[in-house]
C-alpha atoms as a PDB file:
ATOM      1  CA  MET A   1      92.407-109.552 144.530  1.00  0.00           C
ATOM      2  CA  VAL A   2      89.268-109.621 142.410  1.00  0.00           C
ATOM      3  CA  PHE A   3      88.059-106.362 143.949  1.00  0.00           C
ATOM      4  CA  ILE A   4      91.359-104.611 143.206  1.00  0.00           C
ATOM      5  CA  ARG A   5      91.228-105.741 139.572  1.00  0.00           C
ATOM      6  CA  PHE A   6      87.624-104.545 139.357  1.00  0.00           C
ATOM      7  CA  VAL A   7      88.500-101.092 140.715  1.00  0.00           C
ATOM      8  CA  LEU A   8      91.478-100.823 138.354  1.00  0.00           C
ATOM      9  CA  ALA A   9      89.286-101.807 135.402  1.00  0.00           C
ATOM     10  CA  ILE A  10      86.748 -99.105 136.290  1.00  0.00           C
ATOM     11  CA  ALA A  11      89.535 -96.539 136.721  1.00  0.00           C
ATOM     12  CA  ASN A  12      90.907 -97.500 133.316  1.00  0.00           C
ATOM     13  CA  HIS A  13      87.471 -97.307 131.711  1.00  0.00           C
ATOM     14  CA  LEU A  14      86.828 -93.848 133.180  1.00  0.00           C
ATOM     15  CA  ASP A  15      90.376 -92.737 132.235  1.00  0.00           C
ATOM     16  CA  LEU A  16      91.221 -91.967 135.879  1.00  0.00           C
ATOM     17  CA  GLU A  17      94.732 -91.686 137.289  1.00  0.00           C
ATOM     18  CA  VAL A  18      95.774 -94.398 139.715  1.00  0.00           C
ATOM     19  CA  GLU A  19      98.656 -93.962 142.157  1.00  0.00           C
ATOM     20  CA  GLN A  20     100.577 -96.672 143.961  1.00  0.00           C
ATOM     21  CA  MET A  21     101.910 -96.401 147.505  1.00  0.00           C
ATOM     22  CA  ASP A  22     104.090 -98.659 149.607  1.00  0.00           C
ATOM     23  CA  ILE A  23     102.973 -98.685 153.236  1.00  0.00           C
ATOM     24  CA  LYS A  24     105.192-100.422 155.761  1.00  0.00           C
ATOM     25  CA  ASN A  25     103.596-102.133 158.718  1.00  0.00           C
ATOM     26  CA  ALA A  26     106.585-101.761 161.010  1.00  0.00           C
ATOM     27  CA  PHE A  27     104.380-101.648 164.087  1.00  0.00           C
ATOM     28  CA  LEU A  28     103.387-105.269 163.528  1.00  0.00           C
ATOM     29  CA  ASN A  29     106.919-106.618 163.834  1.00  0.00           C
ATOM     30  CA  GLY A  30     108.769-103.800 165.558  1.00  0.00           C
ATOM     31  CA  GLU A  31     110.680-104.248 168.795  1.00  0.00           C
ATOM     32  CA  LEU A  32     109.289-102.581 171.895  1.00  0.00           C
ATOM     33  CA  LYS A  33     111.511-100.301 173.947  1.00  0.00           C
ATOM     34  CA  GLU A  34     109.778-101.127 177.229  1.00  0.00           C
ATOM     35  CA  LEU A  35     108.339-104.220 178.896  1.00  0.00           C
ATOM     36  CA  VAL A  36     104.645-104.886 178.346  1.00  0.00           C
ATOM     37  CA  TYR A  37     102.708-107.134 180.705  1.00  0.00           C
ATOM     38  CA  ILE A  38      99.580-108.807 179.359  1.00  0.00           C
ATOM     39  CA  GLN A  39      96.965-110.899 181.141  1.00  0.00           C
ATOM     40  CA  GLN A  40      94.417-113.011 179.293  1.00  0.00           C
ATOM     41  CA  LEU A  41      90.784-112.131 179.926  1.00  0.00           C
ATOM     42  CA  PRO A  42      88.821-114.815 181.813  1.00  0.00           C
ATOM     43  CA  SER A  43      86.188-114.932 179.060  1.00  0.00           C
ATOM     44  CA  PHE A  44      88.846-116.170 176.578  1.00  0.00           C
ATOM     45  CA  GLU A  45      90.219-118.938 178.770  1.00  0.00           C
ATOM     46  CA  ILE A  46      89.370-122.565 178.026  1.00  0.00           C
ATOM     47  CA  GLN A  47      89.561-124.943 180.986  1.00  0.00           C
ATOM     48  CA  GLY A  48      92.384-127.472 180.643  1.00  0.00           C
ATOM     49  CA  ASN A  49      94.372-125.430 178.123  1.00  0.00           C
ATOM     50  CA  LEU A  50      97.069-122.833 178.605  1.00  0.00           C
END
């Protein structure tokens, strides 16, 4: 948040135009149309845990 305020302050100081966009991240929560099978890599497995 601090970085965004800093960039906006510089843009204001230099009299630059700033545009706002709304980007949806539908792919993060979207439903898949086909089945996907996933297997955990052995290097990420911890013995005794699922």
